[in-house]
Amino acid sequence: MSVELELVRNMVREAGDLLVGLRPKLPDIGIHGKGPFDLVSDADMASHELISRRILERFPHDSILSEEGADVDHRVGRCWIVDPLDGTANFLHGQDHVSVSAALYVEGQPKVAAVRAPFFDQTYWAASGQGAFRDGQPLEPGPAVPPERALIGVGFPADRSGIGPLIDRLHPLLREFGDVRRLASPALDICWVADGRLDAFLDSVKIWDIAAAGLIAAEAGFTVQSVEEDIREPEPPAGRSYLVAPERLAQGILAAISGDRR
């Protein structure tokens, strides 16, 4: 997978550079609504088109599942799962917590992945069985953090119809752990767990949010698991809840949100 790894690293960097170049043009960037709280901009589409072009130039028979593209089954054949701009609202407000992510899945299994944080000039990547890295530096869990100091990344989906249980889930997190952060770029949030900038991540996300970052966190030695009991069920409209954390902290978070105080 050396060719694929080189491709995914290069194309997220190129797409990130495109976004950096578009920042001075923010007032003129077109904004469209996929839903009441779900924005897509011309910057999203430009990044999507660039990444799709780079993939098909090298692998014309591969499929692409992108937040801004066709809905294909990533469990069949070779499928690239792409989020061309994760954190659109942040980008449109001139905030830096933005990322571009892409991963190659083969028969439903992640093989290579990269996440670019263009405004921080950092790239995270991983290959299955080969570890995870940030700009060449290996990633791995640091010293255990006590629950009362744990900083947990959270979020809210664009589909707010089922938001009540997600709000309720914040109560034990705020009661039993240090604090929460809603940074609004899930792919980068997950990479920040792998990089020690967050201690855990808990959110309902779409497959393109976690496809690349999930492999990076798993290869770095973190627990990456769905909170839902049966992941064989179709993905709900709001996405699927995932927890990313060191194993011991993950157990504590799961116990807290399930009401288990043992």
C-alpha atoms as a PDB file:
ATOM      1  CA  MET A   1       0.000   0.000   0.000  1.00  0.00           C
ATOM      2  CA  SER A   2       2.988   2.350  -0.319  1.00  0.00           C
ATOM      3  CA  VAL A   3       1.562   3.948  -3.469  1.00  0.00           C
ATOM      4  CA  GLU A   4      -1.828   4.467  -1.838  1.00  0.00           C
ATOM      5  CA  LEU A   5      -0.261   5.889   1.326  1.00  0.00           C
ATOM      6  CA  GLU A   6       1.769   8.376  -0.679  1.00  0.00           C
ATOM      7  CA  LEU A   7      -1.323   9.358  -2.644  1.00  0.00           C
ATOM      8  CA  VAL A   8      -3.537   9.911   0.393  1.00  0.00           C
ATOM      9  CA  ARG A   9      -0.912  12.009   2.159  1.00  0.00           C
ATOM     10  CA  ASN A  10      -0.230  14.133  -0.917  1.00  0.00           C
ATOM     11  CA  MET A  11      -3.842  14.747  -1.862  1.00  0.00           C
ATOM     12  CA  VAL A  12      -5.043  15.829   1.607  1.00  0.00           C
ATOM     13  CA  ARG A  13      -2.096  18.219   1.731  1.00  0.00           C
ATOM     14  CA  GLU A  14      -2.960  19.587  -1.711  1.00  0.00           C
ATOM     15  CA  ALA A  15      -6.623  19.983  -0.741  1.00  0.00           C
ATOM     16  CA  GLY A  16      -5.563  21.682   2.489  1.00  0.00           C
ATOM     17  CA  ASP A  17      -3.407  24.125   0.548  1.00  0.00           C
ATOM     18  CA  LEU A  18      -6.427  24.874  -1.636  1.00  0.00           C
ATOM     19  CA  LEU A  19      -8.484  25.737   1.466  1.00  0.00           C
ATOM     20  CA  VAL A  20      -5.727  27.969   2.827  1.00  0.00           C
ATOM     21  CA  GLY A  21      -5.656  29.760  -0.511  1.00  0.00           C
ATOM     22  CA  LEU A  22      -9.408  30.287  -0.404  1.00  0.00           C
ATOM     23  CA  ARG A  23      -9.440  31.882   3.060  1.00  0.00           C
ATOM     24  CA  PRO A  24      -8.834  35.454   1.775  1.00  0.00           C
ATOM     25  CA  LYS A  25     -11.845  34.970  -0.513  1.00  0.00           C
ATOM     26  CA  LEU A  26     -14.278  34.017   2.285  1.00  0.00           C
ATOM     27  CA  PRO A  27     -16.742  36.864   1.645  1.00  0.00           C
ATOM     28  CA  ASP A  28     -17.193  35.639  -1.936  1.00  0.00           C
ATOM     29  CA  ILE A  29     -17.432  31.885  -1.276  1.00  0.00           C
ATOM     30  CA  GLY A  30     -20.856  30.482  -2.068  1.00  0.00           C
ATOM     31  CA  ILE A  31     -22.731  28.820   0.796  1.00  0.00           C
ATOM     32  CA  HIS A  32     -25.518  26.320   0.325  1.00  0.00           C
ATOM     33  CA  GLY A  33     -27.668  24.414   2.802  1.00  0.00           C
ATOM     34  CA  LYS A  34     -28.090  20.641   2.825  1.00  0.00           C
ATOM     35  CA  GLY A  35     -30.315  21.029   5.879  1.00  0.00           C
ATOM     36  CA  PRO A  36     -31.232  23.632   8.529  1.00  0.00           C
ATOM     37  CA  PHE A  37     -27.903  23.212  10.360  1.00  0.00           C
ATOM     38  CA  ASP A  38     -25.859  21.504   7.623  1.00  0.00           C
ATOM     39  CA  LEU A  39     -23.823  23.779   5.366  1.00  0.00           C
ATOM     40  CA  VAL A  40     -21.853  23.046   2.235  1.00  0.00           C
ATOM     41  CA  SER A  41     -19.750  25.695   0.541  1.00  0.00           C
ATOM     42  CA  ASP A  42     -18.004  26.127  -2.761  1.00  0.00           C
ATOM     43  CA  ALA A  43     -14.789  25.390  -0.821  1.00  0.00           C
ATOM     44  CA  ASP A  44     -16.147  21.936   0.159  1.00  0.00           C
ATOM     45  CA  MET A  45     -16.936  21.204  -3.476  1.00  0.00           C
ATOM     46  CA  ALA A  46     -13.586  22.446  -4.771  1.00  0.00           C
ATOM     47  CA  SER A  47     -11.751  20.198  -2.298  1.00  0.00           C
ATOM     48  CA  HIS A  48     -14.009  17.258  -3.176  1.00  0.00           C
ATOM     49  CA  GLU A  49     -13.370  17.695  -6.892  1.00  0.00           C
ATOM     50  CA  LEU A  50      -9.602  17.959  -6.406  1.00  0.00           C
ATOM     51  CA  ILE A  51      -9.397  14.797  -4.277  1.00  0.00           C
ATOM     52  CA  SER A  52     -11.717  12.840  -6.570  1.00  0.00           C
ATOM     53  CA  ARG A  53      -9.629  13.828  -9.574  1.00  0.00           C
ATOM     54  CA  ARG A  54      -6.386  12.748  -7.911  1.00  0.00           C
ATOM     55  CA  ILE A  55      -7.835   9.356  -6.936  1.00  0.00           C
ATOM     56  CA  LEU A  56      -9.283   8.585 -10.353  1.00  0.00           C
ATOM     57  CA  GLU A  57      -6.125   9.708 -12.149  1.00  0.00           C
ATOM     58  CA  ARG A  58      -4.210   6.986 -10.296  1.00  0.00           C
ATOM     59  CA  PHE A  59      -6.922   4.387  -9.627  1.00  0.00           C
ATOM     60  CA  PRO A  60      -9.694   4.870 -12.208  1.00  0.00           C
ATOM     61  CA  HIS A  61     -11.631   1.782 -11.122  1.00  0.00           C
ATOM     62  CA  ASP A  62     -11.809   2.633  -7.410  1.00  0.00           C
ATOM     63  CA  SER A  63     -15.032   4.002  -5.938  1.00  0.00           C
ATOM     64  CA  ILE A  64     -15.304   7.168  -3.855  1.00  0.00           C
ATOM     65  CA  LEU A  65     -17.630   7.807  -0.918  1.00  0.00           C
ATOM     66  CA  SER A  66     -17.458  11.506  -0.077  1.00  0.00           C
ATOM     67  CA  GLU A  67     -19.583  13.761   2.088  1.00  0.00           C
ATOM     68  CA  GLU A  68     -20.157  15.832  -1.044  1.00  0.00           C
ATOM     69  CA  GLY A  69     -20.302  12.950  -3.536  1.00  0.00           C
ATOM     70  CA  ALA A  70     -22.118   9.776  -4.498  1.00  0.00           C
ATOM     71  CA  ASP A  71     -23.500   7.313  -1.948  1.00  0.00           C
ATOM     72  CA  VAL A  72     -21.628   4.047  -2.558  1.00  0.00           C
ATOM     73  CA  ASP A  73     -21.091   0.924  -0.456  1.00  0.00           C
ATOM     74  CA  HIS A  74     -17.657   1.209   1.155  1.00  0.00           C
ATOM     75  CA  ARG A  75     -17.758  -2.480   2.121  1.00  0.00           C
ATOM     76  CA  VAL A  76     -17.331  -3.630  -1.476  1.00  0.00           C
ATOM     77  CA  GLY A  77     -14.051  -3.569  -3.421  1.00  0.00           C
ATOM     78  CA  ARG A  78     -11.682  -0.619  -3.087  1.00  0.00           C
ATOM     79  CA  CYS A  79     -13.408   2.502  -1.798  1.00  0.00           C
ATOM     80  CA  TRP A  80     -11.921   5.843  -0.827  1.00  0.00           C
ATOM     81  CA  ILE A  81     -13.874   7.548   1.984  1.00  0.00           C
ATOM     82  CA  VAL A  82     -13.383  11.302   1.934  1.00  0.00           C
ATOM     83  CA  ASP A  83     -14.361  14.358   3.931  1.00  0.00           C
ATOM     84  CA  PRO A  84     -13.124  17.224   1.765  1.00  0.00           C
ATOM     85  CA  LEU A  85     -13.735  19.893   4.422  1.00  0.00           C
ATOM     86  CA  ASP A  86     -14.504  18.779   7.944  1.00  0.00           C
ATOM     87  CA  GLY A  87     -15.502  21.855   9.907  1.00  0.00           C
ATOM     88  CA  THR A  88     -17.245  23.929   7.248  1.00  0.00           C
ATOM     89  CA  ALA A  89     -18.801  26.336   9.774  1.00  0.00           C
ATOM     90  CA  ASN A  90     -15.379  26.883  11.372  1.00  0.00           C
ATOM     91  CA  PHE A  91     -13.837  27.539   7.955  1.00  0.00           C
ATOM     92  CA  LEU A  92     -16.547  30.020   6.979  1.00  0.00           C
ATOM     93  CA  HIS A  93     -16.002  31.908  10.252  1.00  0.00           C
ATOM     94  CA  GLY A  94     -12.234  32.114   9.758  1.00  0.00           C
ATOM     95  CA  GLN A  95     -11.471  29.600  12.501  1.00  0.00           C
ATOM     96  CA  ASP A  96      -8.524  27.218  12.189  1.00  0.00           C
ATOM     97  CA  HIS A  97     -10.018  23.956  13.507  1.00  0.00           C
ATOM     98  CA  VAL A  98     -10.609  22.498  10.052  1.00  0.00           C
ATOM     99  CA  SER A  99      -9.436  19.303   8.402  1.00  0.00           C
ATOM    100  CA  VAL A 100      -9.371  17.282   5.198  1.00  0.00           C
ATOM    101  CA  SER A 101      -9.477  13.513   5.536  1.00  0.00           C
ATOM    102  CA  ALA A 102      -9.327  10.477   3.268  1.00  0.00           C
ATOM    103  CA  ALA A 103      -8.958   6.743   3.755  1.00  0.00           C
ATOM    104  CA  LEU A 104      -8.832   3.713   1.487  1.00  0.00           C
ATOM    105  CA  TYR A 105     -11.031   0.782   2.479  1.00  0.00           C
ATOM    106  CA  VAL A 106     -10.652  -2.631   0.831  1.00  0.00           C
ATOM    107  CA  GLU A 107     -13.612  -4.965   1.296  1.00  0.00           C
ATOM    108  CA  GLY A 108     -14.731  -2.865   4.227  1.00  0.00           C
ATOM    109  CA  GLN A 109     -11.357  -2.753   6.022  1.00  0.00           C
ATOM    110  CA  PRO A 110      -9.275   0.440   6.376  1.00  0.00           C
ATOM    111  CA  LYS A 111      -5.832   0.214   4.806  1.00  0.00           C
ATOM    112  CA  VAL A 112      -4.337   3.728   4.620  1.00  0.00           C
ATOM    113  CA  ALA A 113      -5.532   7.083   5.895  1.00  0.00           C
ATOM    114  CA  ALA A 114      -4.501  10.713   6.262  1.00  0.00           C
ATOM    115  CA  VAL A 115      -5.970  13.786   7.932  1.00  0.00           C
ATOM    116  CA  ARG A 116      -4.613  17.227   7.140  1.00  0.00           C
ATOM    117  CA  ALA A 117      -5.039  20.217   9.455  1.00  0.00           C
ATOM    118  CA  PRO A 118      -4.121  22.911   6.910  1.00  0.00           C
ATOM    119  CA  PHE A 119      -4.218  25.931   9.191  1.00  0.00           C
ATOM    120  CA  PHE A 120      -1.986  24.185  11.744  1.00  0.00           C
ATOM    121  CA  ASP A 121       0.291  22.832   8.966  1.00  0.00           C
ATOM    122  CA  GLN A 122       0.078  19.275  10.334  1.00  0.00           C
ATOM    123  CA  THR A 123      -0.669  15.933   8.717  1.00  0.00           C
ATOM    124  CA  TYR A 124      -1.685  12.744  10.498  1.00  0.00           C
ATOM    125  CA  TRP A 125      -1.475   9.408   8.734  1.00  0.00           C
ATOM    126  CA  ALA A 126      -1.545   5.670   9.275  1.00  0.00           C
ATOM    127  CA  ALA A 127      -1.332   2.381   7.426  1.00  0.00           C
ATOM    128  CA  SER A 128      -2.911  -0.785   8.746  1.00  0.00           C
ATOM    129  CA  GLY A 129      -0.464  -2.644  10.980  1.00  0.00           C
ATOM    130  CA  GLN A 130       2.234   0.021  10.633  1.00  0.00           C
ATOM    131  CA  GLY A 131       1.378   2.549  13.349  1.00  0.00           C
ATOM    132  CA  ALA A 132       0.248   6.161  13.184  1.00  0.00           C
ATOM    133  CA  PHE A 133       2.193   9.383  12.787  1.00  0.00           C
ATOM    134  CA  ARG A 134       1.971  13.151  12.910  1.00  0.00           C
ATOM    135  CA  ASP A 135       4.443  14.696  10.481  1.00  0.00           C
ATOM    136  CA  GLY A 136       6.703  11.669  10.883  1.00  0.00           C
ATOM    137  CA  GLN A 137       6.461  11.499  14.682  1.00  0.00           C
ATOM    138  CA  PRO A 138       4.938   8.254  16.018  1.00  0.00           C
ATOM    139  CA  LEU A 139       1.728   8.567  18.007  1.00  0.00           C
ATOM    140  CA  GLU A 140       0.943   6.489  21.081  1.00  0.00           C
ATOM    141  CA  PRO A 141      -1.037   6.844  24.328  1.00  0.00           C
ATOM    142  CA  GLY A 142       0.632   8.972  26.967  1.00  0.00           C
ATOM    143  CA  PRO A 143       0.477   8.592  30.760  1.00  0.00           C
ATOM    144  CA  ALA A 144      -2.954   7.811  32.184  1.00  0.00           C
ATOM    145  CA  VAL A 145      -5.025  10.886  33.020  1.00  0.00           C
ATOM    146  CA  PRO A 146      -7.344  10.769  36.055  1.00  0.00           C
ATOM    147  CA  PRO A 147     -11.024  11.222  35.153  1.00  0.00           C
ATOM    148  CA  GLU A 148     -11.266  14.563  36.932  1.00  0.00           C
ATOM    149  CA  ARG A 149      -8.639  15.969  34.557  1.00  0.00           C
ATOM    150  CA  ALA A 150      -9.861  14.351  31.352  1.00  0.00           C
ATOM    151  CA  LEU A 151     -10.757  16.691  28.489  1.00  0.00           C
ATOM    152  CA  ILE A 152     -13.383  15.090  26.254  1.00  0.00           C
ATOM    153  CA  GLY A 153     -14.245  16.192  22.732  1.00  0.00           C
ATOM    154  CA  VAL A 154     -17.977  16.124  22.005  1.00  0.00           C
ATOM    155  CA  GLY A 155     -20.287  17.322  19.262  1.00  0.00           C
ATOM    156  CA  PHE A 156     -23.801  17.645  17.967  1.00  0.00           C
ATOM    157  CA  PRO A 157     -25.021  16.332  14.608  1.00  0.00           C
ATOM    158  CA  ALA A 158     -26.508  18.474  11.868  1.00  0.00           C
ATOM    159  CA  ASP A 159     -29.694  16.436  12.229  1.00  0.00           C
ATOM    160  CA  ARG A 160     -31.058  17.819  15.526  1.00  0.00           C
ATOM    161  CA  SER A 161     -34.211  15.669  15.573  1.00  0.00           C
ATOM    162  CA  GLY A 162     -32.746  13.235  18.106  1.00  0.00           C
ATOM    163  CA  ILE A 163     -30.569  15.623  20.065  1.00  0.00           C
ATOM    164  CA  GLY A 164     -32.241  15.094  23.448  1.00  0.00           C
ATOM    165  CA  PRO A 165     -30.333  11.908  24.380  1.00  0.00           C
ATOM    166  CA  LEU A 166     -27.081  13.546  23.268  1.00  0.00           C
ATOM    167  CA  ILE A 167     -27.687  16.487  25.596  1.00  0.00           C
ATOM    168  CA  ASP A 168     -28.535  14.055  28.395  1.00  0.00           C
ATOM    169  CA  ARG A 169     -25.229  12.278  27.773  1.00  0.00           C
ATOM    170  CA  LEU A 170     -23.356  15.465  28.657  1.00  0.00           C
ATOM    171  CA  HIS A 171     -24.575  15.362  32.267  1.00  0.00           C
ATOM    172  CA  PRO A 172     -22.378  12.458  33.466  1.00  0.00           C
ATOM    173  CA  LEU A 173     -19.456  13.710  31.392  1.00  0.00           C
ATOM    174  CA  LEU A 174     -19.568  17.099  33.078  1.00  0.00           C
ATOM    175  CA  ARG A 175     -20.231  15.570  36.481  1.00  0.00           C
ATOM    176  CA  GLU A 176     -17.484  12.926  36.474  1.00  0.00           C
ATOM    177  CA  PHE A 177     -14.799  14.193  34.096  1.00  0.00           C
ATOM    178  CA  GLY A 178     -12.682  17.308  33.775  1.00  0.00           C
ATOM    179  CA  ASP A 179     -14.416  19.189  30.965  1.00  0.00           C
ATOM    180  CA  VAL A 180     -15.770  18.914  27.441  1.00  0.00           C
ATOM    181  CA  ARG A 181     -14.885  20.692  24.204  1.00  0.00           C
ATOM    182  CA  ARG A 182     -17.030  21.101  21.110  1.00  0.00           C
ATOM    183  CA  LEU A 183     -14.448  21.891  18.408  1.00  0.00           C
ATOM    184  CA  ALA A 184     -16.583  20.894  15.400  1.00  0.00           C
ATOM    185  CA  SER A 185     -14.166  18.992  13.181  1.00  0.00           C
ATOM    186  CA  PRO A 186     -14.564  15.356  14.294  1.00  0.00           C
ATOM    187  CA  ALA A 187     -11.739  13.978  12.144  1.00  0.00           C
ATOM    188  CA  LEU A 188      -9.281  16.436  13.654  1.00  0.00           C
ATOM    189  CA  ASP A 189     -10.754  15.941  17.144  1.00  0.00           C
ATOM    190  CA  ILE A 190     -10.042  12.211  16.909  1.00  0.00           C
ATOM    191  CA  CYS A 191      -6.503  12.864  15.705  1.00  0.00           C
ATOM    192  CA  TRP A 192      -6.053  15.202  18.671  1.00  0.00           C
ATOM    193  CA  VAL A 193      -6.930  12.308  20.976  1.00  0.00           C
ATOM    194  CA  ALA A 194      -4.192  10.283  19.296  1.00  0.00           C
ATOM    195  CA  ASP A 195      -1.867  13.279  19.699  1.00  0.00           C
ATOM    196  CA  GLY A 196      -2.671  13.910  23.389  1.00  0.00           C
ATOM    197  CA  ARG A 197      -4.468  17.231  22.879  1.00  0.00           C
ATOM    198  CA  LEU A 198      -7.770  15.697  23.932  1.00  0.00           C
ATOM    199  CA  ASP A 199      -8.118  12.746  26.278  1.00  0.00           C
ATOM    200  CA  ALA A 200     -11.210  11.262  24.627  1.00  0.00           C
ATOM    201  CA  PHE A 201     -13.792  11.865  21.916  1.00  0.00           C
ATOM    202  CA  LEU A 202     -17.501  10.985  22.032  1.00  0.00           C
ATOM    203  CA  ASP A 203     -19.843  12.020  19.247  1.00  0.00           C
ATOM    204  CA  SER A 204     -22.341  10.811  16.662  1.00  0.00           C
ATOM    205  CA  VAL A 205     -20.460  10.947  13.375  1.00  0.00           C
ATOM    206  CA  LYS A 206     -20.796   9.878   9.782  1.00  0.00           C
ATOM    207  CA  ILE A 207     -18.501   7.308   8.180  1.00  0.00           C
ATOM    208  CA  TRP A 208     -16.454  10.011   6.436  1.00  0.00           C
ATOM    209  CA  ASP A 209     -15.754  11.687   9.788  1.00  0.00           C
ATOM    210  CA  ILE A 210     -14.194   8.594  11.329  1.00  0.00           C
ATOM    211  CA  ALA A 211     -12.922   6.515   8.407  1.00  0.00           C
ATOM    212  CA  ALA A 212      -9.453   8.071   8.300  1.00  0.00           C
ATOM    213  CA  ALA A 213      -9.149   9.388  11.860  1.00  0.00           C
ATOM    214  CA  GLY A 214     -10.412   6.111  13.323  1.00  0.00           C
ATOM    215  CA  LEU A 215      -7.609   4.160  11.662  1.00  0.00           C
ATOM    216  CA  ILE A 216      -5.077   6.732  12.863  1.00  0.00           C
ATOM    217  CA  ALA A 217      -6.313   6.501  16.465  1.00  0.00           C
ATOM    218  CA  ALA A 218      -6.510   2.692  16.393  1.00  0.00           C
ATOM    219  CA  GLU A 219      -3.003   2.394  14.957  1.00  0.00           C
ATOM    220  CA  ALA A 220      -1.795   4.767  17.680  1.00  0.00           C
ATOM    221  CA  GLY A 221      -3.097   2.312  20.304  1.00  0.00           C
ATOM    222  CA  PHE A 222      -6.434   3.863  21.287  1.00  0.00           C
ATOM    223  CA  THR A 223      -9.831   2.238  21.699  1.00  0.00           C
ATOM    224  CA  VAL A 224     -12.148   3.097  18.807  1.00  0.00           C
ATOM    225  CA  GLN A 225     -15.617   1.658  19.240  1.00  0.00           C
ATOM    226  CA  SER A 226     -19.255   2.265  18.463  1.00  0.00           C
ATOM    227  CA  VAL A 227     -21.415   3.045  21.467  1.00  0.00           C
ATOM    228  CA  GLU A 228     -24.464   1.498  19.785  1.00  0.00           C
ATOM    229  CA  GLU A 229     -25.158  -2.096  20.751  1.00  0.00           C
ATOM    230  CA  ASP A 230     -25.606  -3.433  17.227  1.00  0.00           C
ATOM    231  CA  ILE A 231     -23.387  -1.867  14.571  1.00  0.00           C
ATOM    232  CA  ARG A 232     -24.916  -4.165  11.944  1.00  0.00           C
ATOM    233  CA  GLU A 233     -28.007  -1.984  11.868  1.00  0.00           C
ATOM    234  CA  PRO A 234     -28.125   0.688   9.127  1.00  0.00           C
ATOM    235  CA  GLU A 235     -26.498   3.971  10.072  1.00  0.00           C
ATOM    236  CA  PRO A 236     -29.086   6.368  11.532  1.00  0.00           C
ATOM    237  CA  PRO A 237     -29.549   9.812   9.915  1.00  0.00           C
ATOM    238  CA  ALA A 238     -27.546  11.538  12.646  1.00  0.00           C
ATOM    239  CA  GLY A 239     -24.658   9.101  12.253  1.00  0.00           C
ATOM    240  CA  ARG A 240     -23.352   6.550  14.709  1.00  0.00           C
ATOM    241  CA  SER A 241     -21.945   7.309  18.156  1.00  0.00           C
ATOM    242  CA  TYR A 242     -18.254   6.530  18.549  1.00  0.00           C
ATOM    243  CA  LEU A 243     -15.930   6.688  21.511  1.00  0.00           C
ATOM    244  CA  VAL A 244     -12.180   7.154  21.043  1.00  0.00           C
ATOM    245  CA  ALA A 245     -10.002   7.040  24.150  1.00  0.00           C
ATOM    246  CA  PRO A 246      -7.268   5.082  25.954  1.00  0.00           C
ATOM    247  CA  GLU A 247      -8.748   1.752  27.040  1.00  0.00           C
ATOM    248  CA  ARG A 248      -9.072   2.473  30.767  1.00  0.00           C
ATOM    249  CA  LEU A 249     -10.619   5.917  30.250  1.00  0.00           C
ATOM    250  CA  ALA A 250     -12.947   4.466  27.616  1.00  0.00           C
ATOM    251  CA  GLN A 251     -14.263   1.968  30.168  1.00  0.00           C
ATOM    252  CA  GLY A 252     -14.954   4.780  32.647  1.00  0.00           C
ATOM    253  CA  ILE A 253     -16.756   6.911  30.070  1.00  0.00           C
ATOM    254  CA  LEU A 254     -18.912   3.983  28.932  1.00  0.00           C
ATOM    255  CA  ALA A 255     -19.816   3.193  32.542  1.00  0.00           C
ATOM    256  CA  ALA A 256     -20.720   6.826  33.218  1.00  0.00           C
ATOM    257  CA  ILE A 257     -22.970   7.317  30.199  1.00  0.00           C
ATOM    258  CA  SER A 258     -24.684   3.969  30.778  1.00  0.00           C
ATOM    259  CA  GLY A 259     -25.384   4.797  34.444  1.00  0.00           C
ATOM    260  CA  ASP A 260     -23.122   2.012  35.745  1.00  0.00           C
ATOM    261  CA  ARG A 261     -21.419   3.296  38.927  1.00  0.00           C
ATOM    262  CA  ARG A 262     -19.641   0.091  39.865  1.00  0.00           C
END
